[in-house]
């Protein structure tokens, strides 16, 4: 039986905290009538996730669009903010038990993100995660890109996807009968994950149990 596969999202799942989101908001705010007001509006909405936003980046987009800021400015601001990833201007944190989990888990560990590769290696190193993923896929274009990745796996491979955005990170796997783990506080009425928790640390014991169960036929 094929080795189990764990597919992790990056922003909001592996990399935690509002640092990159606020860096994005500050870059967007250069195009706003009041930079301070835009950043404050974003910070307030990040503190209490609600409404139709699917994640923090969507929050920034919605606040910016309400200010009349267009797609080109948003794209440029996002690119500028990624150049700060993992620096004091866009700090990130990590679930306390993730590094140990990745080191000791007998599964193929994939990191699949829609973000570009910009400063990703440096951010992973700062989080103590350098070398702990077997494969990293950037600019993944999820959800379609996740569909393509799942298509590339050997038939019968046990898969568990872990992410904070149901429609991008988990729904394609769920539709194929794979296990899913939803982390974070952005509501989605369409979400029906196998596991759910506010933080990744809370999910790690369940993920470890899933790997153990998925490996039983392989071990036999």
N, C-alpha and C. Protein backbone atom coordinates (compact mmCIF):
# COMPACT_ATOMS: atom_id res chain seq x y z
N UNK A 1 0.85 -1.19 0.00
CA UNK A 1 0.00 0.00 0.00
C UNK A 1 0.89 1.24 0.00
N UNK A 2 0.52 2.27 -0.79
CA UNK A 2 1.35 3.48 -0.83
C UNK A 2 1.47 4.14 0.54
N UNK A 3 2.59 4.83 0.73
CA UNK A 3 2.84 5.56 1.98
C UNK A 3 1.82 6.67 2.14
N UNK A 4 1.31 6.91 3.35
CA UNK A 4 0.36 8.01 3.56
C UNK A 4 0.98 9.36 3.20
N UNK A 5 0.13 10.27 2.75
CA UNK A 5 0.56 11.60 2.34
C UNK A 5 -0.17 12.65 3.17
N UNK A 6 0.59 13.55 3.76
CA UNK A 6 0.05 14.71 4.46
C UNK A 6 0.32 15.94 3.61
N UNK A 7 -0.73 16.72 3.32
CA UNK A 7 -0.59 17.92 2.49
C UNK A 7 -0.94 19.13 3.35
N UNK A 8 0.06 19.94 3.66
CA UNK A 8 -0.12 21.13 4.50
C UNK A 8 -0.20 22.38 3.64
N UNK A 9 -1.13 23.27 3.99
CA UNK A 9 -1.11 24.64 3.50
C UNK A 9 -0.05 25.42 4.29
N UNK A 10 0.33 26.60 3.79
CA UNK A 10 1.35 27.40 4.50
C UNK A 10 0.72 28.52 5.29
N UNK A 11 0.29 29.60 4.64
CA UNK A 11 -0.24 30.77 5.36
C UNK A 11 -1.51 30.40 6.12
N UNK A 12 -1.51 30.70 7.41
CA UNK A 12 -2.68 30.43 8.23
C UNK A 12 -2.75 29.01 8.76
N UNK A 13 -1.83 28.16 8.32
CA UNK A 13 -1.81 26.76 8.76
C UNK A 13 -0.47 26.44 9.39
N UNK A 14 0.59 26.46 8.59
CA UNK A 14 1.95 26.27 9.10
C UNK A 14 2.49 27.58 9.64
N UNK A 15 2.36 28.65 8.87
CA UNK A 15 2.82 29.98 9.30
C UNK A 15 1.66 30.73 9.93
N UNK A 16 1.81 31.08 11.20
CA UNK A 16 0.72 31.68 11.96
C UNK A 16 1.01 33.14 12.27
N UNK A 17 -0.06 33.86 12.61
CA UNK A 17 0.08 35.25 13.01
C UNK A 17 -0.35 36.21 11.91
N UNK A 18 -0.62 37.43 12.32
CA UNK A 18 -1.11 38.46 11.40
C UNK A 18 0.01 39.27 10.75
N UNK A 19 1.27 38.95 11.05
CA UNK A 19 2.37 39.75 10.51
C UNK A 19 2.35 39.91 9.00
N UNK A 20 2.26 38.82 8.22
CA UNK A 20 2.22 38.97 6.77
C UNK A 20 0.98 39.70 6.27
N UNK A 21 -0.15 39.52 6.97
CA UNK A 21 -1.38 40.19 6.58
C UNK A 21 -1.29 41.69 6.79
N UNK A 22 -0.70 42.09 7.91
CA UNK A 22 -0.55 43.52 8.18
C UNK A 22 0.49 44.15 7.26
N UNK A 23 1.51 43.37 6.89
CA UNK A 23 2.48 43.87 5.90
C UNK A 23 1.77 44.11 4.56
N UNK A 24 0.90 43.20 4.19
CA UNK A 24 0.10 43.36 2.97
C UNK A 24 -0.79 44.59 3.08
N UNK A 25 -1.46 44.73 4.23
CA UNK A 25 -2.35 45.88 4.42
C UNK A 25 -1.58 47.19 4.34
N UNK A 26 -0.37 47.24 4.93
CA UNK A 26 0.42 48.47 4.87
C UNK A 26 0.83 48.79 3.44
N UNK A 27 1.15 47.76 2.66
CA UNK A 27 1.51 48.00 1.26
C UNK A 27 0.31 48.48 0.46
N UNK A 28 -0.85 47.91 0.74
CA UNK A 28 -2.08 48.35 0.08
C UNK A 28 -2.42 49.78 0.49
N UNK A 29 -2.17 50.11 1.75
CA UNK A 29 -2.56 51.41 2.29
C UNK A 29 -1.86 52.57 1.61
N UNK A 30 -0.77 52.29 0.93
CA UNK A 30 -0.08 53.36 0.18
C UNK A 30 -0.98 53.91 -0.92
N UNK A 31 -2.00 53.16 -1.29
CA UNK A 31 -2.92 53.59 -2.35
C UNK A 31 -4.23 54.13 -1.79
N UNK A 32 -4.35 54.21 -0.46
CA UNK A 32 -5.61 54.63 0.17
C UNK A 32 -5.58 56.11 0.53
N UNK A 33 -6.76 56.68 0.69
CA UNK A 33 -6.86 58.08 1.10
C UNK A 33 -6.28 58.27 2.49
N UNK A 34 -6.50 57.29 3.36
CA UNK A 34 -5.94 57.33 4.71
C UNK A 34 -5.30 55.98 5.00
N UNK A 35 -3.97 55.94 4.99
CA UNK A 35 -3.27 54.69 5.21
C UNK A 35 -3.57 54.12 6.59
N UNK A 36 -3.53 54.96 7.62
CA UNK A 36 -3.76 54.50 8.98
C UNK A 36 -5.16 53.91 9.14
N UNK A 37 -6.14 54.55 8.51
CA UNK A 37 -7.52 54.07 8.63
C UNK A 37 -7.67 52.70 7.98
N UNK A 38 -7.04 52.49 6.83
CA UNK A 38 -7.15 51.19 6.16
C UNK A 38 -6.51 50.10 7.00
N UNK A 39 -5.31 50.35 7.51
CA UNK A 39 -4.63 49.32 8.31
C UNK A 39 -5.42 49.03 9.58
N UNK A 40 -5.99 50.05 10.19
CA UNK A 40 -6.79 49.86 11.39
C UNK A 40 -8.04 49.04 11.09
N UNK A 41 -8.66 49.29 9.94
CA UNK A 41 -9.85 48.54 9.55
C UNK A 41 -9.52 47.07 9.34
N UNK A 42 -8.39 46.81 8.70
CA UNK A 42 -7.96 45.43 8.48
C UNK A 42 -7.69 44.75 9.82
N UNK A 43 -6.95 45.43 10.71
CA UNK A 43 -6.60 44.85 12.00
C UNK A 43 -7.86 44.51 12.80
N UNK A 44 -8.86 45.37 12.75
CA UNK A 44 -10.10 45.13 13.49
C UNK A 44 -10.82 43.90 12.95
N UNK A 45 -10.85 43.73 11.64
CA UNK A 45 -11.54 42.57 11.06
C UNK A 45 -10.75 41.29 11.26
N UNK A 46 -9.44 41.39 11.30
CA UNK A 46 -8.63 40.20 11.57
C UNK A 46 -8.84 39.71 13.01
N UNK A 47 -9.08 40.65 13.91
CA UNK A 47 -9.25 40.29 15.32
C UNK A 47 -10.54 39.54 15.56
N UNK A 48 -11.55 39.76 14.73
CA UNK A 48 -12.83 39.08 14.88
C UNK A 48 -13.32 38.62 13.51
N UNK A 49 -12.83 37.47 13.04
CA UNK A 49 -13.24 36.95 11.72
C UNK A 49 -14.76 36.78 11.65
N UNK A 50 -15.33 37.30 10.58
CA UNK A 50 -16.78 37.19 10.40
C UNK A 50 -17.10 37.50 8.95
N UNK A 51 -18.37 37.38 8.61
CA UNK A 51 -18.80 37.72 7.26
C UNK A 51 -18.40 36.67 6.25
N UNK A 52 -18.18 37.11 5.01
CA UNK A 52 -17.94 36.18 3.90
C UNK A 52 -16.47 35.98 3.59
N UNK A 53 -15.57 36.62 4.30
CA UNK A 53 -14.14 36.48 4.00
C UNK A 53 -13.70 35.04 4.26
N UNK A 54 -12.86 34.52 3.34
CA UNK A 54 -12.42 33.13 3.49
C UNK A 54 -11.13 33.01 4.29
N UNK A 55 -10.36 34.10 4.36
CA UNK A 55 -9.14 34.11 5.17
C UNK A 55 -8.68 35.55 5.32
N UNK A 56 -7.53 35.74 5.97
CA UNK A 56 -7.05 37.09 6.22
C UNK A 56 -6.70 37.86 4.97
N UNK A 57 -6.19 37.18 3.96
CA UNK A 57 -5.86 37.87 2.72
C UNK A 57 -7.13 38.37 2.03
N UNK A 58 -8.19 37.61 2.15
CA UNK A 58 -9.46 38.05 1.60
C UNK A 58 -10.00 39.24 2.37
N UNK A 59 -9.73 39.30 3.67
CA UNK A 59 -10.11 40.47 4.47
C UNK A 59 -9.44 41.72 3.92
N UNK A 60 -8.12 41.64 3.68
CA UNK A 60 -7.40 42.79 3.14
C UNK A 60 -7.99 43.20 1.80
N UNK A 61 -8.25 42.22 0.95
CA UNK A 61 -8.82 42.53 -0.38
C UNK A 61 -10.16 43.24 -0.25
N UNK A 62 -11.01 42.76 0.62
CA UNK A 62 -12.34 43.35 0.75
C UNK A 62 -12.28 44.78 1.29
N UNK A 63 -11.42 45.01 2.28
CA UNK A 63 -11.26 46.37 2.81
C UNK A 63 -10.71 47.29 1.73
N UNK A 64 -9.74 46.80 0.96
CA UNK A 64 -9.14 47.61 -0.10
C UNK A 64 -10.16 47.94 -1.19
N UNK A 65 -10.94 46.95 -1.59
CA UNK A 65 -11.94 47.19 -2.64
C UNK A 65 -12.98 48.20 -2.20
N UNK A 66 -13.32 48.19 -0.91
CA UNK A 66 -14.27 49.18 -0.39
C UNK A 66 -13.70 50.60 -0.48
N UNK A 67 -12.36 50.69 -0.53
CA UNK A 67 -11.69 51.98 -0.68
C UNK A 67 -11.44 52.32 -2.15
N UNK A 68 -11.90 51.46 -3.06
CA UNK A 68 -11.72 51.71 -4.49
C UNK A 68 -10.35 51.34 -5.02
N UNK A 69 -9.61 50.53 -4.28
CA UNK A 69 -8.27 50.11 -4.71
C UNK A 69 -8.40 48.91 -5.63
N UNK A 70 -7.78 48.98 -6.80
CA UNK A 70 -7.98 47.98 -7.84
C UNK A 70 -7.04 46.79 -7.77
N UNK A 71 -7.27 45.87 -8.68
CA UNK A 71 -6.53 44.60 -8.68
C UNK A 71 -5.04 44.78 -8.90
N UNK A 72 -4.65 45.71 -9.78
CA UNK A 72 -3.21 45.89 -10.06
C UNK A 72 -2.47 46.36 -8.81
N UNK A 73 -3.08 47.30 -8.09
CA UNK A 73 -2.45 47.79 -6.86
C UNK A 73 -2.40 46.69 -5.81
N UNK A 74 -3.44 45.88 -5.72
CA UNK A 74 -3.45 44.77 -4.77
C UNK A 74 -2.35 43.77 -5.10
N UNK A 75 -2.20 43.44 -6.37
CA UNK A 75 -1.18 42.48 -6.77
C UNK A 75 0.22 43.00 -6.45
N UNK A 76 0.47 44.27 -6.74
CA UNK A 76 1.78 44.86 -6.45
C UNK A 76 2.04 44.89 -4.95
N UNK A 77 1.01 45.21 -4.17
CA UNK A 77 1.16 45.26 -2.71
C UNK A 77 1.43 43.86 -2.15
N UNK A 78 0.76 42.87 -2.68
CA UNK A 78 0.99 41.49 -2.20
C UNK A 78 2.42 41.07 -2.49
N UNK A 79 2.89 41.34 -3.69
CA UNK A 79 4.26 40.99 -4.06
C UNK A 79 5.26 41.67 -3.13
N UNK A 80 5.03 42.94 -2.84
CA UNK A 80 5.93 43.68 -1.95
C UNK A 80 5.91 43.09 -0.54
N UNK A 81 4.73 42.69 -0.08
CA UNK A 81 4.62 42.16 1.28
C UNK A 81 5.31 40.81 1.41
N UNK A 82 5.31 40.00 0.36
CA UNK A 82 5.95 38.68 0.45
C UNK A 82 7.47 38.81 0.56
N UNK A 83 8.02 39.90 0.08
CA UNK A 83 9.46 40.13 0.22
C UNK A 83 9.85 40.38 1.67
N UNK A 84 8.85 40.61 2.53
CA UNK A 84 9.10 40.85 3.95
C UNK A 84 8.79 39.62 4.81
N UNK A 85 8.35 38.53 4.21
CA UNK A 85 7.90 37.36 4.95
C UNK A 85 8.96 36.85 5.92
N UNK A 86 8.57 36.69 7.17
CA UNK A 86 9.47 36.16 8.17
C UNK A 86 10.47 37.16 8.73
N UNK A 87 10.38 38.41 8.30
CA UNK A 87 11.23 39.47 8.85
C UNK A 87 10.46 40.17 9.97
N UNK A 88 11.12 41.09 10.71
CA UNK A 88 10.38 41.82 11.75
C UNK A 88 9.21 42.62 11.20
N UNK A 89 9.20 42.93 9.89
CA UNK A 89 8.08 43.65 9.30
C UNK A 89 6.91 42.75 8.96
N UNK A 90 7.13 41.44 8.91
CA UNK A 90 6.06 40.49 8.62
C UNK A 90 6.36 39.18 9.36
N UNK A 91 6.37 39.23 10.69
CA UNK A 91 6.77 38.06 11.47
C UNK A 91 5.75 36.93 11.37
N UNK A 92 6.24 35.71 11.52
CA UNK A 92 5.38 34.53 11.54
C UNK A 92 5.75 33.67 12.74
N UNK A 93 4.79 32.87 13.17
CA UNK A 93 4.99 31.93 14.28
C UNK A 93 4.58 30.55 13.79
N UNK A 94 4.78 29.55 14.64
CA UNK A 94 4.48 28.17 14.26
C UNK A 94 3.88 27.44 15.45
N UNK A 95 3.04 26.47 15.19
CA UNK A 95 2.50 25.63 16.25
C UNK A 95 3.65 24.96 16.99
N UNK A 96 3.59 24.97 18.30
CA UNK A 96 4.73 24.52 19.11
C UNK A 96 5.15 23.09 18.81
N UNK A 97 4.20 22.23 18.51
CA UNK A 97 4.53 20.82 18.30
C UNK A 97 4.75 20.41 16.86
N UNK A 98 4.68 21.35 15.92
CA UNK A 98 4.71 20.95 14.51
C UNK A 98 6.05 20.37 14.08
N UNK A 99 7.15 20.99 14.47
CA UNK A 99 8.46 20.49 14.03
C UNK A 99 8.68 19.06 14.50
N UNK A 100 8.38 18.78 15.75
CA UNK A 100 8.55 17.42 16.27
C UNK A 100 7.61 16.45 15.55
N UNK A 101 6.40 16.88 15.29
CA UNK A 101 5.45 16.04 14.56
C UNK A 101 5.99 15.67 13.18
N UNK A 102 6.49 16.66 12.46
CA UNK A 102 7.01 16.40 11.12
C UNK A 102 8.25 15.50 11.16
N UNK A 103 9.09 15.70 12.18
CA UNK A 103 10.30 14.88 12.29
C UNK A 103 9.99 13.42 12.57
N UNK A 104 8.93 13.15 13.30
CA UNK A 104 8.67 11.80 13.79
C UNK A 104 7.54 11.08 13.07
N UNK A 105 6.90 11.74 12.12
CA UNK A 105 5.75 11.14 11.44
C UNK A 105 6.21 10.36 10.21
N UNK A 106 5.78 9.11 10.12
CA UNK A 106 6.17 8.25 9.00
C UNK A 106 5.14 8.39 7.88
N UNK A 107 5.23 9.51 7.18
CA UNK A 107 4.35 9.81 6.05
C UNK A 107 5.10 10.76 5.12
N UNK A 108 4.65 10.83 3.88
CA UNK A 108 5.21 11.83 2.97
C UNK A 108 4.60 13.18 3.33
N UNK A 109 5.45 14.17 3.56
CA UNK A 109 5.00 15.47 4.06
C UNK A 109 5.17 16.50 2.95
N UNK A 110 4.04 17.02 2.47
CA UNK A 110 4.05 18.00 1.39
C UNK A 110 3.59 19.36 1.93
N UNK A 111 4.21 20.41 1.43
CA UNK A 111 3.77 21.78 1.69
C UNK A 111 3.30 22.34 0.36
N UNK A 112 2.02 22.70 0.29
CA UNK A 112 1.43 23.14 -0.98
C UNK A 112 0.75 24.48 -0.74
N UNK A 113 1.26 25.52 -1.39
CA UNK A 113 0.78 26.88 -1.12
C UNK A 113 0.53 27.64 -2.42
N UNK A 114 -0.47 28.49 -2.40
CA UNK A 114 -0.72 29.38 -3.53
C UNK A 114 0.25 30.55 -3.56
N UNK A 115 0.99 30.74 -2.48
CA UNK A 115 1.95 31.85 -2.41
C UNK A 115 3.17 31.55 -3.28
N UNK A 116 3.89 32.59 -3.66
CA UNK A 116 5.14 32.38 -4.42
C UNK A 116 6.24 31.86 -3.51
N UNK A 117 7.36 31.50 -4.12
CA UNK A 117 8.50 30.98 -3.37
C UNK A 117 9.26 32.06 -2.60
N UNK A 118 8.92 33.32 -2.83
CA UNK A 118 9.65 34.44 -2.22
C UNK A 118 9.79 34.29 -0.71
N UNK A 119 11.01 34.18 -0.24
CA UNK A 119 11.37 34.09 1.18
C UNK A 119 10.73 32.90 1.89
N UNK A 120 10.22 31.93 1.17
CA UNK A 120 9.61 30.78 1.83
C UNK A 120 10.66 29.95 2.57
N UNK A 121 11.80 29.70 1.93
CA UNK A 121 12.85 28.92 2.59
C UNK A 121 13.33 29.61 3.87
N UNK A 122 13.49 30.93 3.79
CA UNK A 122 13.95 31.68 4.97
C UNK A 122 12.91 31.62 6.09
N UNK A 123 11.63 31.72 5.72
CA UNK A 123 10.58 31.66 6.73
C UNK A 123 10.52 30.29 7.39
N UNK A 124 10.63 29.24 6.58
CA UNK A 124 10.62 27.89 7.15
C UNK A 124 11.81 27.69 8.09
N UNK A 125 12.96 28.19 7.71
CA UNK A 125 14.13 28.08 8.58
C UNK A 125 13.91 28.81 9.89
N UNK A 126 13.32 30.01 9.83
CA UNK A 126 13.08 30.78 11.05
C UNK A 126 12.08 30.09 11.97
N UNK A 127 11.23 29.24 11.39
CA UNK A 127 10.23 28.51 12.17
C UNK A 127 10.74 27.15 12.66
N UNK A 128 11.97 26.83 12.31
CA UNK A 128 12.53 25.54 12.70
C UNK A 128 12.04 24.39 11.86
N UNK A 129 11.59 24.67 10.63
CA UNK A 129 10.99 23.65 9.78
C UNK A 129 11.82 23.34 8.53
N UNK A 130 13.02 23.87 8.45
CA UNK A 130 13.86 23.63 7.27
C UNK A 130 14.11 22.14 7.11
N UNK A 131 13.90 21.63 5.91
CA UNK A 131 14.17 20.24 5.60
C UNK A 131 13.14 19.25 6.11
N UNK A 132 12.05 19.71 6.68
CA UNK A 132 11.06 18.80 7.27
C UNK A 132 9.90 18.47 6.33
N UNK A 133 9.90 19.06 5.15
CA UNK A 133 8.90 18.70 4.14
C UNK A 133 9.60 17.96 3.00
N UNK A 134 9.01 16.87 2.56
CA UNK A 134 9.59 16.08 1.48
C UNK A 134 9.47 16.78 0.13
N UNK A 135 8.43 17.57 -0.01
CA UNK A 135 8.22 18.30 -1.27
C UNK A 135 7.50 19.60 -0.97
N UNK A 136 7.89 20.67 -1.65
CA UNK A 136 7.25 21.97 -1.50
C UNK A 136 6.76 22.41 -2.87
N UNK A 137 5.48 22.76 -2.95
CA UNK A 137 4.88 23.25 -4.18
C UNK A 137 4.41 24.67 -3.94
N UNK A 138 4.98 25.64 -4.66
CA UNK A 138 4.56 27.04 -4.57
C UNK A 138 3.75 27.42 -5.80
N UNK A 139 3.08 28.58 -5.74
CA UNK A 139 2.21 29.02 -6.85
C UNK A 139 1.31 27.87 -7.28
N UNK A 140 0.70 27.19 -6.31
CA UNK A 140 0.00 25.94 -6.58
C UNK A 140 -1.34 26.11 -7.28
N UNK A 141 -1.89 27.33 -7.26
CA UNK A 141 -3.18 27.59 -7.93
C UNK A 141 -4.29 26.68 -7.40
N UNK A 142 -4.31 26.50 -6.07
CA UNK A 142 -5.42 25.74 -5.48
C UNK A 142 -6.72 26.55 -5.63
N UNK A 143 -7.87 25.91 -5.83
CA UNK A 143 -8.10 24.48 -5.69
C UNK A 143 -7.74 23.63 -6.90
N UNK A 144 -7.70 24.21 -8.10
CA UNK A 144 -7.42 23.39 -9.28
C UNK A 144 -6.06 22.71 -9.19
N UNK A 145 -5.08 23.42 -8.63
CA UNK A 145 -3.75 22.85 -8.50
C UNK A 145 -3.72 21.67 -7.54
N UNK A 146 -4.57 21.70 -6.51
CA UNK A 146 -4.66 20.56 -5.60
C UNK A 146 -5.28 19.37 -6.30
N UNK A 147 -6.28 19.63 -7.14
CA UNK A 147 -6.86 18.55 -7.94
C UNK A 147 -5.78 17.86 -8.76
N UNK A 148 -4.93 18.65 -9.42
CA UNK A 148 -3.88 18.09 -10.26
C UNK A 148 -2.88 17.28 -9.44
N UNK A 149 -2.54 17.78 -8.26
CA UNK A 149 -1.60 17.06 -7.40
C UNK A 149 -2.20 15.72 -6.96
N UNK A 150 -3.46 15.73 -6.57
CA UNK A 150 -4.11 14.49 -6.16
C UNK A 150 -4.16 13.50 -7.31
N UNK A 151 -4.38 13.99 -8.52
CA UNK A 151 -4.39 13.13 -9.70
C UNK A 151 -3.04 12.44 -9.90
N UNK A 152 -1.96 13.10 -9.47
CA UNK A 152 -0.62 12.58 -9.72
C UNK A 152 -0.21 11.48 -8.73
N UNK A 153 -0.97 11.32 -7.65
CA UNK A 153 -0.62 10.33 -6.64
C UNK A 153 -1.01 8.93 -7.09
N UNK A 154 -0.29 7.96 -6.59
CA UNK A 154 -0.59 6.57 -6.89
C UNK A 154 -1.99 6.21 -6.37
N UNK A 155 -2.72 5.44 -7.15
CA UNK A 155 -4.06 5.02 -6.74
C UNK A 155 -3.99 4.32 -5.39
N UNK A 156 -4.94 4.64 -4.53
CA UNK A 156 -5.00 4.02 -3.22
C UNK A 156 -4.16 4.69 -2.16
N UNK A 157 -3.50 5.79 -2.49
CA UNK A 157 -2.68 6.50 -1.50
C UNK A 157 -3.57 7.15 -0.44
N UNK A 158 -3.33 6.86 0.84
CA UNK A 158 -4.08 7.56 1.89
C UNK A 158 -3.62 9.01 1.95
N UNK A 159 -4.57 9.94 1.94
CA UNK A 159 -4.25 11.37 1.91
C UNK A 159 -5.01 12.09 3.01
N UNK A 160 -4.31 12.99 3.69
CA UNK A 160 -4.93 13.90 4.65
C UNK A 160 -4.44 15.30 4.32
N UNK A 161 -5.37 16.21 4.02
CA UNK A 161 -5.01 17.59 3.73
C UNK A 161 -5.32 18.45 4.94
N UNK A 162 -4.42 19.41 5.21
CA UNK A 162 -4.54 20.28 6.38
C UNK A 162 -4.47 21.73 5.92
N UNK A 163 -5.49 22.53 6.23
CA UNK A 163 -5.47 23.92 5.80
C UNK A 163 -6.51 24.76 6.51
N UNK A 164 -6.51 26.05 6.21
CA UNK A 164 -7.44 26.98 6.86
C UNK A 164 -8.52 27.50 5.93
N UNK A 165 -8.46 27.14 4.64
CA UNK A 165 -9.47 27.59 3.68
C UNK A 165 -10.11 26.36 3.05
N UNK A 166 -11.34 26.10 3.42
CA UNK A 166 -12.01 24.88 2.98
C UNK A 166 -11.99 24.73 1.45
N UNK A 167 -12.42 25.75 0.74
CA UNK A 167 -12.61 25.60 -0.71
C UNK A 167 -11.29 25.40 -1.46
N UNK A 168 -10.20 25.97 -0.94
CA UNK A 168 -8.91 25.85 -1.62
C UNK A 168 -8.10 24.66 -1.14
N UNK A 169 -8.02 24.48 0.18
CA UNK A 169 -7.08 23.53 0.78
C UNK A 169 -7.67 22.14 0.98
N UNK A 170 -8.99 22.05 1.14
CA UNK A 170 -9.57 20.80 1.60
C UNK A 170 -10.68 20.24 0.71
N UNK A 171 -11.51 21.09 0.13
CA UNK A 171 -12.68 20.61 -0.60
C UNK A 171 -12.34 19.62 -1.72
N UNK A 172 -11.28 19.86 -2.52
CA UNK A 172 -10.97 18.88 -3.57
C UNK A 172 -10.63 17.50 -3.02
N UNK A 173 -9.94 17.46 -1.87
CA UNK A 173 -9.61 16.17 -1.25
C UNK A 173 -10.87 15.53 -0.67
N UNK A 174 -11.70 16.31 -0.02
CA UNK A 174 -12.95 15.81 0.55
C UNK A 174 -13.83 15.18 -0.53
N UNK A 175 -13.89 15.81 -1.69
CA UNK A 175 -14.72 15.31 -2.78
C UNK A 175 -14.27 13.94 -3.27
N UNK A 176 -13.01 13.60 -3.04
CA UNK A 176 -12.47 12.30 -3.45
C UNK A 176 -12.48 11.28 -2.33
N UNK A 177 -13.03 11.66 -1.18
CA UNK A 177 -13.11 10.74 -0.07
C UNK A 177 -11.89 10.72 0.83
N UNK A 178 -10.97 11.70 0.65
CA UNK A 178 -9.79 11.77 1.50
C UNK A 178 -10.13 12.47 2.83
N UNK A 179 -9.26 12.28 3.81
CA UNK A 179 -9.43 12.94 5.10
C UNK A 179 -8.99 14.40 5.01
N UNK A 180 -9.61 15.24 5.83
CA UNK A 180 -9.31 16.68 5.83
C UNK A 180 -9.27 17.19 7.25
N UNK A 181 -8.46 18.21 7.47
CA UNK A 181 -8.34 18.85 8.79
C UNK A 181 -8.39 20.36 8.59
N UNK A 182 -9.40 20.99 9.16
CA UNK A 182 -9.61 22.43 9.02
C UNK A 182 -9.16 23.13 10.28
N UNK A 183 -8.30 24.13 10.12
CA UNK A 183 -7.77 24.87 11.26
C UNK A 183 -8.09 26.35 11.10
N UNK A 184 -8.43 27.02 12.21
CA UNK A 184 -8.64 28.46 12.14
C UNK A 184 -10.08 28.85 12.37
N UNK A 185 -10.30 30.18 12.33
CA UNK A 185 -11.58 30.70 12.75
C UNK A 185 -12.46 31.30 11.68
N UNK A 186 -12.15 31.12 10.38
CA UNK A 186 -12.99 31.69 9.33
C UNK A 186 -14.10 30.70 8.99
N UNK A 187 -15.36 31.10 9.18
CA UNK A 187 -16.46 30.15 8.98
C UNK A 187 -16.71 29.89 7.50
N UNK A 188 -17.14 28.67 7.20
CA UNK A 188 -17.56 28.30 5.86
C UNK A 188 -18.65 27.25 6.00
N UNK A 189 -19.90 27.61 5.70
CA UNK A 189 -20.99 26.66 5.89
C UNK A 189 -20.87 25.41 5.02
N UNK A 190 -20.05 25.47 3.98
CA UNK A 190 -19.87 24.30 3.11
C UNK A 190 -18.87 23.30 3.68
N UNK A 191 -18.16 23.68 4.74
CA UNK A 191 -17.07 22.85 5.25
C UNK A 191 -17.59 21.65 6.03
N UNK A 192 -17.06 20.48 5.67
CA UNK A 192 -17.38 19.25 6.39
C UNK A 192 -16.09 18.45 6.59
N UNK A 193 -15.16 18.99 7.38
CA UNK A 193 -13.86 18.33 7.54
C UNK A 193 -13.94 17.09 8.42
N UNK A 194 -12.97 16.23 8.26
CA UNK A 194 -12.84 15.07 9.15
C UNK A 194 -12.45 15.53 10.55
N UNK A 195 -11.55 16.51 10.62
CA UNK A 195 -11.08 17.07 11.89
C UNK A 195 -11.18 18.58 11.81
N UNK A 196 -11.42 19.20 12.96
CA UNK A 196 -11.51 20.66 12.99
C UNK A 196 -11.03 21.16 14.35
N UNK A 197 -10.26 22.26 14.34
CA UNK A 197 -9.82 22.88 15.59
C UNK A 197 -9.42 24.32 15.31
N UNK A 198 -9.36 25.13 16.38
CA UNK A 198 -8.96 26.52 16.22
C UNK A 198 -7.47 26.64 15.94
N UNK A 199 -6.66 25.71 16.47
CA UNK A 199 -5.22 25.79 16.30
C UNK A 199 -4.68 24.46 15.78
N UNK A 200 -3.55 24.52 15.09
CA UNK A 200 -2.92 23.31 14.58
C UNK A 200 -2.42 22.43 15.71
N UNK A 201 -1.93 23.02 16.79
CA UNK A 201 -1.48 22.21 17.92
C UNK A 201 -2.58 21.28 18.43
N UNK A 202 -3.82 21.79 18.46
CA UNK A 202 -4.94 20.96 18.90
C UNK A 202 -5.18 19.78 17.96
N UNK A 203 -4.84 19.94 16.69
CA UNK A 203 -5.10 18.91 15.70
C UNK A 203 -4.02 17.84 15.64
N UNK A 204 -2.81 18.14 16.09
CA UNK A 204 -1.69 17.24 15.87
C UNK A 204 -1.91 15.82 16.42
N UNK A 205 -2.50 15.64 17.61
CA UNK A 205 -2.75 14.27 18.06
C UNK A 205 -3.66 13.49 17.11
N UNK A 206 -4.69 14.13 16.59
CA UNK A 206 -5.58 13.46 15.65
C UNK A 206 -4.85 13.14 14.35
N UNK A 207 -3.98 14.04 13.90
CA UNK A 207 -3.23 13.78 12.68
C UNK A 207 -2.29 12.58 12.87
N UNK A 208 -1.66 12.50 14.04
CA UNK A 208 -0.77 11.38 14.33
C UNK A 208 -1.54 10.06 14.35
N UNK A 209 -2.73 10.07 14.93
CA UNK A 209 -3.55 8.87 14.96
C UNK A 209 -3.97 8.45 13.56
N UNK A 210 -4.28 9.45 12.73
CA UNK A 210 -4.67 9.14 11.34
C UNK A 210 -3.51 8.47 10.61
N UNK A 211 -2.30 9.00 10.76
CA UNK A 211 -1.14 8.42 10.10
C UNK A 211 -0.93 6.98 10.56
N UNK A 212 -1.04 6.77 11.86
CA UNK A 212 -0.84 5.43 12.39
C UNK A 212 -1.86 4.45 11.81
N UNK A 213 -3.12 4.88 11.76
CA UNK A 213 -4.15 4.00 11.21
C UNK A 213 -3.95 3.78 9.72
N UNK A 214 -3.54 4.82 8.99
CA UNK A 214 -3.34 4.69 7.55
C UNK A 214 -2.16 3.78 7.22
N UNK A 215 -1.20 3.69 8.14
CA UNK A 215 -0.02 2.88 7.89
C UNK A 215 -0.18 1.41 8.27
N UNK A 216 -1.25 1.07 8.98
CA UNK A 216 -1.41 -0.31 9.44
C UNK A 216 -1.40 -1.32 8.29
N UNK A 217 -2.17 -1.09 7.21
CA UNK A 217 -2.10 -2.05 6.11
C UNK A 217 -0.72 -2.06 5.45
N UNK A 218 -0.09 -0.85 5.39
CA UNK A 218 1.26 -0.74 4.79
C UNK A 218 2.27 -1.53 5.62
N UNK A 219 2.16 -1.43 6.95
CA UNK A 219 3.10 -2.11 7.84
C UNK A 219 2.93 -3.63 7.78
N UNK A 220 1.66 -4.04 7.60
CA UNK A 220 1.39 -5.47 7.55
C UNK A 220 1.93 -6.09 6.27
